[in-house]
Amino acid sequence: MAKDYFQDITPPSGAPTPPRQFTPRPPQAPVEEEPLDRPTDARDIPIRVADASMGTDGTADPASRGIRSISPPARSRPFRVTGAPNRMDTDIRDASGGGPLRPPRRATRLWIWAAASLVVLIAAASLLFVFSSTTITVTPKSRMATLSSTTLTAYQVADASEATPGTLAYTVQTFDLEDSGVVAAQGTTHVETKASGSITVYNSYSASPVRLVKTTRFESPEGLIYRALSDVVVPGKVGSAPGQVNVTVAADQPGEKYNIGPVAKFTLPGLKSTAPMYAGVYAKSTDAFSGGFAGEQPGTTPGELDSAISAVRTRLETKAHEAAIGQAKDGVSVFPELIRITYESLPNTTEAGSSVRIHQKARVTVPTFSSDAFARSVARSAFTDFDDAELVTLKPSDDFSVQFASSSIDGQPSILNLAVSGSALVIWKVDAEALAKALEGKDNSAFQGIVNGFSGVQEARARIAPFWKNSFPATASDIKIDVVVPEVVK
């Protein structure tokens, strides 16, 4: 009968302990990682036989050496993993065996890519809304007008706003330029010249024009008399606004005393017999008068003087044309052939070294026209079916010219006959603001019908962004109108 103790665990007392024979175990696969619940300082603890109850002789009691007397170790021997390690454990557990859990790398990458894609989509959508735009590209209607000695009649007004609808009006711009040159002096000469200047004549007397003849007198508050150099027609008043016209006048006598500054009011002595007219027809000046002289001045030889004057006036003519063309601006047209220049010799002055400086003045008169009114007049003459209510602009060709046919009609110097010839492209105006207003909030399908309501449009294309929108913006300011003006065919 088997005993309840292990003979080979504790040998009998006094007997030598034979060496134990161990059969080597087959090699096992290396353990790459400790189990999840083993602390890093774990070690193997051998199973020991508990201290048996000792007899009085100091020997162990055989009965106490049973298996029930074996004390368990302080902690159980950890389970060792043999064979191939679990890859999932490697991914989840930190290599040290005790680190925090981490999500699988593959899943993390997928989340990163998904988040990045979402951000890109949101940014792209935002940019589409921020930079969304609607552009309407419009080509206006145009026709080539060819004129051959066509005559246009223009009426002078003090201001373009006073023009009668359906007529061609013009205003007069006047300014002075001066230049000088030096010639050799030779003796002295007696010179008498009259001062001259520009004044504005007003008519607050009547709604009808007032005609003033050449040499009409204008008197300054100091009693100095200046005379008109040509006939004058002063337009009638419009409501409470007086009619007005610019006039060039010269002093009645030579002398420097007539070189005066601006005058607040000139009266007309010839109208004293009619008190209301005398009070209602008057003149003002804003520039100084110059050129008056009477006395001796350094002389020159006639040939040298004429040559010097010619050179100075040539320079003045160039400056005058440049300045006159400079009067053209937005909405105002100026034609070089209509520029008038009058020259005046001013008193000579002595220069050092026995020389004389000659002085010349150029008075420049420029008729200016409303660009829209002139374009309508040309279109009215060129096209029998032209609607005068339509707004057009003009692009002249190289052969287009405007010249004086005559300077007056029936003795009225304020009316001009103009001879117009050559070709010009008449371009209809497009009211971009009205077109944008008509399109705001409308469906795309209404585009063609709305555009057809604008007679000045030849062709129109709409570009709406983002591409999925099927209507125009609700606010007209968000609709850009791009007008492509056609060019003149050479």
Protein backbone atom coordinates (compact mmCIF):
# COMPACT_ATOMS: atom_id res chain seq x y z
CA MET A 1 0.00 0.00 0.00
CA ALA A 2 1.36 3.35 -1.05
CA LYS A 3 2.51 5.67 1.64
CA ASP A 4 1.30 9.21 1.91
CA TYR A 5 4.71 10.81 1.59
CA PHE A 6 7.28 11.10 -1.13
CA GLN A 7 10.32 9.09 -0.52
CA ASP A 8 12.26 10.97 -3.14
CA ILE A 9 11.55 14.35 -1.70
CA THR A 10 13.13 13.92 1.68
CA PRO A 11 15.52 10.98 2.08
CA PRO A 12 15.64 9.01 5.28
CA SER A 13 17.56 10.58 8.07
CA GLY A 14 21.26 9.95 8.00
CA ALA A 15 21.32 8.56 4.47
CA PRO A 16 23.35 10.43 1.91
CA THR A 17 21.40 12.22 -0.66
CA PRO A 18 21.94 10.66 -4.01
CA PRO A 19 22.19 13.05 -6.89
CA ARG A 20 19.00 13.43 -8.75
CA GLN A 21 18.87 12.51 -12.31
CA PHE A 22 16.98 14.88 -14.59
CA THR A 23 15.96 14.08 -18.03
CA PRO A 24 16.54 17.13 -20.19
CA ARG A 25 13.40 18.59 -21.59
CA PRO A 26 13.11 19.30 -25.28
CA PRO A 27 13.91 22.88 -26.24
CA GLN A 28 10.95 25.18 -26.43
CA ALA A 29 10.34 28.19 -28.55
CA PRO A 30 11.70 31.36 -26.99
CA VAL A 31 9.30 33.42 -25.07
CA GLU A 32 9.10 36.85 -26.61
CA GLU A 33 6.92 38.41 -24.01
CA GLU A 34 5.78 37.87 -20.48
CA PRO A 35 2.13 37.15 -19.80
CA LEU A 36 -0.12 40.15 -19.27
CA ASP A 37 -0.53 39.66 -15.52
CA ARG A 38 3.13 39.05 -14.58
CA PRO A 39 4.95 41.93 -13.03
CA THR A 40 8.32 42.83 -14.35
CA ASP A 41 10.13 41.66 -11.17
CA ALA A 42 8.57 38.12 -11.14
CA ARG A 43 10.93 35.17 -10.54
CA ASP A 44 10.63 31.41 -10.26
CA ILE A 45 9.99 30.21 -6.73
CA PRO A 46 10.84 26.52 -6.12
CA ILE A 47 8.43 24.32 -4.29
CA ARG A 48 9.84 23.51 -0.85
CA VAL A 49 8.77 20.97 1.65
CA ALA A 50 7.35 22.70 4.61
CA ASP A 51 9.27 22.36 7.80
CA ALA A 52 8.03 19.05 9.24
CA SER A 53 7.09 18.60 12.81
CA MET A 54 10.29 17.80 14.51
CA GLY A 55 10.55 15.11 17.10
CA THR A 56 12.35 15.44 20.32
CA ASP A 57 15.44 14.02 18.72
CA GLY A 58 15.48 16.70 16.11
CA THR A 59 14.41 14.40 13.28
CA ALA A 60 11.41 14.97 11.17
CA ASP A 61 8.34 13.05 11.81
CA PRO A 62 7.74 10.77 8.87
CA ALA A 63 4.04 11.22 9.23
CA SER A 64 4.43 14.95 8.87
CA ARG A 65 6.17 14.56 5.55
CA GLY A 66 2.95 13.80 3.68
CA ILE A 67 1.84 15.79 0.70
CA ARG A 68 -0.67 17.61 2.84
CA SER A 69 2.21 19.10 4.75
CA ILE A 70 3.69 20.87 1.68
CA SER A 71 3.21 24.59 1.96
CA PRO A 72 2.24 26.39 -1.20
CA PRO A 73 4.63 29.05 -2.47
CA ALA A 74 4.03 32.70 -1.69
CA ARG A 75 2.84 33.18 -5.26
CA SER A 76 2.10 30.70 -7.92
CA ARG A 77 4.60 30.07 -10.63
CA PRO A 78 3.65 32.20 -13.60
CA PHE A 79 2.40 30.60 -16.69
CA ARG A 80 5.01 30.65 -19.40
CA VAL A 81 3.91 31.06 -22.97
CA THR A 82 5.53 28.67 -25.32
CA GLY A 83 5.36 28.67 -29.03
CA ALA A 84 4.68 31.66 -31.30
CA PRO A 85 3.66 34.86 -29.54
CA ASN A 86 0.32 36.45 -30.15
CA ARG A 87 0.77 39.38 -32.57
CA MET A 88 -2.33 41.13 -31.33
CA ASP A 89 -0.80 41.19 -27.85
CA THR A 90 2.30 42.78 -29.30
CA ASP A 91 0.21 45.50 -30.99
CA ILE A 92 -1.89 46.20 -27.96
CA ARG A 93 0.70 45.92 -25.15
CA ASP A 94 3.66 48.24 -25.05
CA ALA A 95 6.98 46.49 -25.63
CA SER A 96 7.91 46.92 -21.98
CA GLY A 97 4.99 44.71 -21.05
CA GLY A 98 3.53 47.20 -18.61
CA GLY A 99 2.69 50.30 -20.74
CA PRO A 100 -0.79 51.67 -21.45
CA LEU A 101 -2.97 50.13 -24.08
CA ARG A 102 -2.73 51.66 -27.56
CA PRO A 103 -5.24 51.40 -30.44
CA PRO A 104 -4.17 49.33 -33.38
CA ARG A 105 -1.94 51.28 -35.77
CA ARG A 106 -3.94 50.42 -38.86
CA ALA A 107 -7.21 51.64 -37.36
CA THR A 108 -5.51 54.87 -36.21
CA ARG A 109 -4.28 55.61 -39.72
CA LEU A 110 -7.77 55.13 -41.12
CA TRP A 111 -9.22 57.60 -38.64
CA ILE A 112 -6.52 60.17 -39.49
CA TRP A 113 -7.19 59.87 -43.22
CA ALA A 114 -10.94 60.13 -42.69
CA ALA A 115 -10.59 63.27 -40.57
CA ALA A 116 -8.20 64.88 -43.06
CA SER A 117 -10.57 64.14 -45.95
CA LEU A 118 -13.46 65.68 -44.05
CA VAL A 119 -11.45 68.85 -43.36
CA VAL A 120 -10.49 69.14 -47.04
CA LEU A 121 -14.11 68.75 -48.12
CA ILE A 122 -15.31 71.38 -45.65
CA ALA A 123 -12.56 73.80 -46.74
CA ALA A 124 -13.36 73.25 -50.42
CA ALA A 125 -17.06 73.85 -49.84
CA SER A 126 -16.29 77.01 -47.86
CA LEU A 127 -14.05 78.34 -50.62
CA LEU A 128 -16.74 77.70 -53.20
CA PHE A 129 -19.22 79.76 -51.21
CA VAL A 130 -16.75 82.51 -50.35
CA PHE A 131 -15.47 82.91 -53.91
CA SER A 132 -18.73 82.16 -55.65
CA SER A 133 -19.48 84.74 -58.32
CA THR A 134 -21.84 85.47 -61.15
CA THR A 135 -20.50 87.24 -64.23
CA ILE A 136 -22.54 88.42 -67.20
CA THR A 137 -20.44 89.10 -70.31
CA VAL A 138 -22.27 91.52 -72.60
CA THR A 139 -21.44 92.54 -76.15
CA PRO A 140 -23.35 95.75 -77.01
CA LYS A 141 -24.98 96.36 -80.36
CA SER A 142 -22.88 98.39 -82.81
CA ARG A 143 -23.16 99.76 -86.37
CA MET A 144 -20.68 101.50 -88.63
CA ALA A 145 -21.76 105.00 -89.69
CA THR A 146 -20.31 106.45 -92.89
CA LEU A 147 -20.80 110.17 -93.45
CA SER A 148 -19.95 112.35 -96.44
CA SER A 149 -20.06 116.10 -95.84
CA THR A 150 -22.93 115.77 -93.40
CA THR A 151 -23.85 119.06 -91.73
CA LEU A 152 -24.68 119.21 -88.03
CA THR A 153 -25.99 122.35 -86.34
CA ALA A 154 -24.78 123.14 -82.82
CA TYR A 155 -26.16 125.75 -80.42
CA GLN A 156 -24.06 127.49 -77.80
CA VAL A 157 -25.16 127.22 -74.16
CA ALA A 158 -23.50 128.45 -71.00
CA ASP A 159 -23.70 124.99 -69.44
CA ALA A 160 -24.32 121.56 -70.95
CA SER A 161 -27.23 121.03 -68.56
CA GLU A 162 -29.11 123.83 -70.35
CA ALA A 163 -29.15 122.00 -73.68
CA THR A 164 -32.54 121.38 -75.27
CA PRO A 165 -33.28 117.64 -75.61
CA GLY A 166 -32.86 116.39 -79.17
CA THR A 167 -30.44 119.17 -80.14
CA LEU A 168 -26.66 119.38 -80.31
CA ALA A 169 -25.33 121.94 -77.86
CA TYR A 170 -21.81 123.16 -77.16
CA THR A 171 -20.02 125.27 -74.59
CA VAL A 172 -16.96 127.45 -75.12
CA GLN A 173 -13.78 127.08 -73.08
CA THR A 174 -11.34 130.01 -73.30
CA PHE A 175 -7.85 130.28 -71.85
CA ASP A 176 -4.62 132.23 -72.47
CA LEU A 177 -1.04 131.08 -72.98
CA GLU A 178 2.13 133.18 -73.09
CA ASP A 179 5.65 132.64 -74.40
CA SER A 180 8.67 134.79 -75.23
CA GLY A 181 11.93 134.93 -77.16
CA VAL A 182 15.12 137.00 -77.18
CA VAL A 183 16.44 139.04 -80.13
CA ALA A 184 19.21 141.59 -80.51
CA ALA A 185 18.22 145.15 -79.60
CA GLN A 186 18.60 148.03 -82.03
CA GLY A 187 17.56 151.46 -80.85
CA THR A 188 14.11 152.19 -79.45
CA THR A 189 10.62 152.35 -80.87
CA HIS A 190 7.32 153.89 -79.78
CA VAL A 191 4.66 151.27 -79.11
CA GLU A 192 0.96 151.52 -78.27
CA THR A 193 -1.05 148.38 -77.50
CA LYS A 194 -4.48 147.80 -75.98
CA ALA A 195 -5.16 145.52 -73.06
CA SER A 196 -7.53 142.64 -73.66
CA GLY A 197 -9.24 139.91 -71.70
CA SER A 198 -12.19 137.56 -71.46
CA ILE A 199 -15.50 138.37 -69.77
CA THR A 200 -18.76 136.48 -69.21
CA VAL A 201 -21.95 138.28 -70.27
CA TYR A 202 -25.18 137.41 -68.39
CA ASN A 203 -28.83 137.81 -69.39
CA SER A 204 -31.23 137.77 -66.46
CA TYR A 205 -33.50 140.26 -68.24
CA SER A 206 -35.42 137.99 -70.62
CA ALA A 207 -36.03 134.38 -71.57
CA SER A 208 -35.27 135.45 -75.14
CA PRO A 209 -31.70 135.89 -76.40
CA VAL A 210 -30.16 139.37 -76.35
CA ARG A 211 -28.04 140.40 -79.33
CA LEU A 212 -25.08 142.73 -78.85
CA VAL A 213 -23.26 144.21 -81.83
CA LYS A 214 -19.52 144.38 -82.38
CA THR A 215 -17.81 147.18 -80.37
CA THR A 216 -20.51 147.06 -77.66
CA ARG A 217 -19.10 148.90 -74.63
CA PHE A 218 -18.52 147.33 -71.21
CA GLU A 219 -17.67 149.72 -68.39
CA SER A 220 -15.72 148.85 -65.24
CA PRO A 221 -16.56 150.39 -61.85
CA GLU A 222 -13.55 152.71 -62.36
CA GLY A 223 -15.01 153.99 -65.64
CA LEU A 224 -12.64 152.10 -67.97
CA ILE A 225 -14.26 151.10 -71.25
CA TYR A 226 -13.70 147.79 -73.07
CA ARG A 227 -15.33 146.82 -76.37
CA ALA A 228 -16.57 143.52 -77.84
CA LEU A 229 -14.48 142.33 -80.77
CA SER A 230 -17.44 140.62 -82.52
CA ASP A 231 -21.22 140.32 -82.42
CA VAL A 232 -22.58 138.59 -79.34
CA VAL A 233 -25.81 136.67 -78.72
CA VAL A 234 -26.53 136.16 -75.03
CA PRO A 235 -28.87 133.18 -74.43
CA GLY A 236 -32.13 133.84 -72.59
CA LYS A 237 -32.59 132.97 -68.95
CA VAL A 238 -34.01 129.60 -67.90
CA GLY A 239 -36.20 130.06 -64.87
CA SER A 240 -34.17 132.05 -62.40
CA ALA A 241 -30.84 131.03 -63.99
CA PRO A 242 -29.50 133.73 -66.32
CA GLY A 243 -28.21 132.90 -69.77
CA GLN A 244 -24.49 133.49 -70.24
CA VAL A 245 -21.78 133.55 -72.88
CA ASN A 246 -18.00 134.17 -72.89
CA VAL A 247 -16.78 137.17 -74.87
CA THR A 248 -13.33 138.58 -75.69
CA VAL A 249 -13.03 142.34 -75.25
CA ALA A 250 -10.24 144.89 -75.73
CA ALA A 251 -9.56 148.20 -74.05
CA ASP A 252 -10.98 151.30 -75.71
CA GLN A 253 -7.56 153.01 -75.51
CA PRO A 254 -3.93 151.81 -75.30
CA GLY A 255 -2.05 152.08 -72.06
CA GLU A 256 -1.04 150.16 -69.00
CA LYS A 257 -3.88 151.51 -66.88
CA TYR A 258 -6.21 149.08 -68.63
CA ASN A 259 -4.23 146.11 -67.30
CA ILE A 260 -6.66 145.51 -64.44
CA GLY A 261 -7.56 142.50 -62.34
CA PRO A 262 -10.86 140.57 -62.23
CA VAL A 263 -13.97 142.75 -62.19
CA ALA A 264 -17.09 141.87 -60.17
CA LYS A 265 -19.46 143.65 -62.57
CA PHE A 266 -19.30 145.44 -65.91
CA THR A 267 -22.28 147.52 -66.98
CA LEU A 268 -23.37 148.25 -70.55
CA PRO A 269 -23.71 152.03 -71.05
CA GLY A 270 -25.67 151.54 -74.28
CA LEU A 271 -28.58 149.99 -72.37
CA LYS A 272 -29.11 152.87 -69.94
CA SER A 273 -32.18 154.03 -71.84
CA THR A 274 -33.94 150.77 -70.92
CA ALA A 275 -33.58 150.47 -67.17
CA PRO A 276 -34.76 146.81 -66.81
CA MET A 277 -32.39 145.68 -69.55
CA TYR A 278 -29.57 147.83 -68.17
CA ALA A 279 -30.00 146.08 -64.81
CA GLY A 280 -30.50 142.59 -66.24
CA VAL A 281 -27.69 142.44 -68.82
CA TYR A 282 -24.21 142.70 -67.31
CA ALA A 283 -20.77 141.05 -67.34
CA LYS A 284 -18.07 139.72 -65.02
CA SER A 285 -14.42 138.75 -65.40
CA THR A 286 -12.40 136.19 -63.48
CA ASP A 287 -8.99 136.78 -65.08
CA ALA A 288 -6.77 139.85 -65.28
CA PHE A 289 -6.50 142.02 -68.40
CA SER A 290 -3.05 142.38 -69.96
CA GLY A 291 -1.19 143.78 -72.95
CA GLY A 292 -1.86 147.47 -72.49
CA PHE A 293 1.15 149.70 -73.18
CA ALA A 294 1.97 153.13 -74.53
CA GLY A 295 5.56 154.42 -74.73
CA GLU A 296 9.10 153.71 -75.84
CA GLN A 297 10.55 150.22 -75.80
CA PRO A 298 13.72 148.59 -77.13
CA GLY A 299 13.65 148.22 -80.89
CA THR A 300 14.76 145.42 -83.18
CA THR A 301 15.39 144.99 -86.86
CA PRO A 302 12.15 144.07 -88.68
CA GLY A 303 13.49 140.78 -90.05
CA GLU A 304 14.73 139.48 -86.72
CA LEU A 305 11.55 140.57 -84.97
CA ASP A 306 9.26 138.79 -87.43
CA SER A 307 11.36 135.62 -87.27
CA ALA A 308 11.34 135.62 -83.46
CA ILE A 309 7.57 136.22 -83.32
CA SER A 310 6.96 133.34 -85.74
CA ALA A 311 9.06 130.96 -83.64
CA VAL A 312 7.29 131.95 -80.42
CA ARG A 313 3.83 131.58 -81.98
CA THR A 314 4.70 128.16 -83.35
CA ARG A 315 5.51 127.02 -79.84
CA LEU A 316 2.31 128.59 -78.57
CA GLU A 317 0.24 126.78 -81.20
CA THR A 318 1.64 123.42 -80.08
CA LYS A 319 0.94 124.22 -76.45
CA ALA A 320 -2.54 125.48 -77.30
CA HIS A 321 -3.55 122.27 -79.09
CA GLU A 322 -2.22 120.15 -76.25
CA ALA A 323 -4.12 122.21 -73.71
CA ALA A 324 -7.30 122.20 -75.81
CA ILE A 325 -7.29 118.42 -76.25
CA GLY A 326 -6.80 118.24 -72.49
CA GLN A 327 -10.29 119.75 -72.13
CA ALA A 328 -11.69 116.42 -73.33
CA LYS A 329 -12.64 114.21 -70.42
CA ASP A 330 -15.31 111.69 -69.49
CA GLY A 331 -18.47 112.68 -71.33
CA VAL A 332 -16.87 115.63 -73.18
CA SER A 333 -15.62 115.62 -76.78
CA VAL A 334 -13.15 118.06 -78.35
CA PHE A 335 -12.21 118.13 -82.05
CA PRO A 336 -8.80 119.58 -83.02
CA GLU A 337 -10.13 121.21 -86.22
CA LEU A 338 -12.46 123.42 -84.17
CA ILE A 339 -9.76 124.96 -81.95
CA ARG A 340 -9.36 128.69 -82.51
CA ILE A 341 -6.19 130.60 -81.59
CA THR A 342 -5.71 134.36 -81.71
CA TYR A 343 -2.32 135.94 -81.02
CA GLU A 344 -1.44 139.21 -79.39
CA SER A 345 1.93 140.95 -79.11
CA LEU A 346 2.74 142.13 -75.62
CA PRO A 347 5.24 144.90 -74.78
CA ASN A 348 8.90 144.02 -75.19
CA THR A 349 11.27 144.07 -72.24
CA THR A 350 14.98 144.87 -72.05
CA GLU A 351 17.39 142.03 -71.45
CA ALA A 352 21.02 142.19 -70.31
CA GLY A 353 23.61 142.38 -73.05
CA SER A 354 21.75 144.73 -75.41
CA SER A 355 18.97 142.21 -76.09
CA VAL A 356 15.21 142.45 -76.23
CA ARG A 357 12.70 139.89 -75.02
CA ILE A 358 9.56 139.80 -77.11
CA HIS A 359 6.34 138.54 -75.51
CA GLN A 360 3.41 136.87 -77.24
CA LYS A 361 0.02 135.78 -75.93
CA ALA A 362 -2.28 133.17 -77.45
CA ARG A 363 -5.99 133.20 -76.66
CA VAL A 364 -7.43 129.71 -77.18
CA THR A 365 -11.14 129.12 -77.76
CA VAL A 366 -12.39 125.54 -77.73
CA PRO A 367 -15.96 124.38 -78.45
CA THR A 368 -16.75 121.34 -76.28
CA PHE A 369 -19.61 118.90 -76.89
CA SER A 370 -21.45 116.34 -74.83
CA SER A 371 -20.11 113.02 -76.13
CA ASP A 372 -23.53 111.36 -75.86
CA ALA A 373 -25.32 114.20 -77.65
CA PHE A 374 -22.76 114.29 -80.47
CA ALA A 375 -22.95 110.49 -80.91
CA ARG A 376 -26.77 110.65 -81.12
CA SER A 377 -26.53 113.43 -83.72
CA VAL A 378 -24.20 111.31 -85.86
CA ALA A 379 -26.42 108.21 -85.48
CA ARG A 380 -29.52 110.27 -86.30
CA SER A 381 -27.88 111.48 -89.51
CA ALA A 382 -26.50 108.06 -90.51
CA PHE A 383 -29.41 105.73 -89.66
CA THR A 384 -33.00 106.47 -90.64
CA ASP A 385 -34.31 103.90 -88.12
CA PHE A 386 -32.40 105.28 -85.15
CA ASP A 387 -34.43 105.82 -81.97
CA ASP A 388 -33.34 109.13 -80.47
CA ALA A 389 -34.22 107.86 -77.00
CA GLU A 390 -31.42 105.30 -77.16
CA LEU A 391 -28.03 106.07 -75.67
CA VAL A 392 -24.97 105.55 -77.87
CA THR A 393 -21.27 106.33 -77.93
CA LEU A 394 -18.94 106.97 -80.83
CA LYS A 395 -15.61 105.40 -81.80
CA PRO A 396 -14.20 107.45 -84.70
CA SER A 397 -12.06 105.88 -87.41
CA ASP A 398 -8.83 107.50 -88.55
CA ASP A 399 -10.61 109.33 -91.41
CA PHE A 400 -13.31 110.87 -89.20
CA SER A 401 -13.20 114.69 -89.06
CA VAL A 402 -15.30 117.60 -87.82
CA GLN A 403 -14.71 121.07 -89.30
CA PHE A 404 -16.42 124.42 -89.49
CA ALA A 405 -18.91 124.67 -92.36
CA SER A 406 -19.74 128.22 -91.25
CA SER A 407 -19.41 130.07 -87.98
CA SER A 408 -22.90 131.50 -87.81
CA ILE A 409 -26.45 131.27 -89.11
CA ASP A 410 -28.26 134.49 -90.00
CA GLY A 411 -25.65 136.55 -88.19
CA GLN A 412 -25.92 134.55 -84.95
CA PRO A 413 -22.33 133.75 -83.89
CA SER A 414 -23.53 131.38 -81.17
CA ILE A 415 -24.77 128.85 -83.76
CA LEU A 416 -22.24 126.64 -85.53
CA ASN A 417 -22.58 124.63 -88.72
CA LEU A 418 -20.28 121.61 -88.61
CA ALA A 419 -19.16 119.56 -91.60
CA VAL A 420 -18.77 115.92 -90.51
CA SER A 421 -17.19 113.29 -92.76
CA GLY A 422 -15.58 109.86 -92.52
CA SER A 423 -16.65 106.75 -90.65
CA ALA A 424 -17.26 106.01 -87.00
CA LEU A 425 -18.52 103.02 -85.02
CA VAL A 426 -21.77 103.76 -83.21
CA ILE A 427 -21.98 101.63 -80.04
CA TRP A 428 -25.17 101.28 -78.04
CA LYS A 429 -24.91 101.78 -74.29
CA VAL A 430 -25.90 99.01 -71.88
CA ASP A 431 -27.33 99.97 -68.50
CA ALA A 432 -25.31 97.49 -66.44
CA GLU A 433 -26.95 98.49 -63.17
CA ALA A 434 -30.46 97.98 -64.55
CA LEU A 435 -29.49 94.62 -66.06
CA ALA A 436 -28.09 93.36 -62.76
CA LYS A 437 -31.23 94.55 -60.98
CA ALA A 438 -33.45 92.73 -63.46
CA LEU A 439 -31.52 89.46 -62.98
CA GLU A 440 -31.30 89.38 -59.18
CA GLY A 441 -32.93 86.28 -57.72
CA LYS A 442 -34.18 85.06 -61.11
CA ASP A 443 -33.94 81.45 -62.30
CA ASN A 444 -31.40 80.64 -65.01
CA SER A 445 -34.18 79.87 -67.47
CA ALA A 446 -35.32 83.53 -67.37
CA PHE A 447 -31.92 84.87 -68.51
CA GLN A 448 -32.57 85.06 -72.25
CA GLY A 449 -35.95 86.72 -71.87
CA ILE A 450 -34.57 89.39 -69.55
CA VAL A 451 -31.60 90.15 -71.81
CA ASN A 452 -33.89 90.50 -74.84
CA GLY A 453 -35.58 93.39 -73.04
CA PHE A 454 -32.38 95.46 -73.34
CA SER A 455 -32.24 96.81 -76.90
CA GLY A 456 -28.59 97.76 -76.63
CA VAL A 457 -27.43 94.17 -76.06
CA GLN A 458 -26.18 92.23 -79.06
CA GLU A 459 -25.06 89.12 -77.17
CA ALA A 460 -24.83 88.06 -73.53
CA ARG A 461 -23.42 85.05 -71.66
CA ALA A 462 -23.86 84.17 -67.99
CA ARG A 463 -21.40 82.31 -65.77
CA ILE A 464 -22.70 81.28 -62.35
CA ALA A 465 -20.53 79.75 -59.62
CA PRO A 466 -20.69 77.37 -57.84
CA PHE A 467 -21.78 75.15 -60.68
CA TRP A 468 -24.73 73.58 -58.88
CA LYS A 469 -26.58 76.90 -58.46
CA ASN A 470 -29.53 77.31 -60.80
CA SER A 471 -30.45 80.92 -60.04
CA PHE A 472 -28.85 84.36 -59.99
CA PRO A 473 -27.79 85.97 -56.69
CA ALA A 474 -30.53 87.63 -54.69
CA THR A 475 -28.54 90.89 -54.54
CA ALA A 476 -27.72 92.88 -57.68
CA SER A 477 -24.35 93.93 -56.28
CA ASP A 478 -23.25 90.27 -56.40
CA ILE A 479 -23.78 90.18 -60.17
CA LYS A 480 -20.83 91.50 -62.19
CA ILE A 481 -21.60 92.93 -65.63
CA ASP A 482 -18.61 92.86 -67.99
CA VAL A 483 -19.26 94.93 -71.14
CA VAL A 484 -16.96 94.03 -74.03
CA VAL A 485 -16.76 97.10 -76.29
CA PRO A 486 -16.23 96.18 -79.96
CA GLU A 487 -13.24 97.63 -81.79
CA VAL A 488 -13.24 99.67 -84.97
CA VAL A 489 -12.29 97.50 -87.94
CA LYS A 490 -9.31 99.08 -89.66
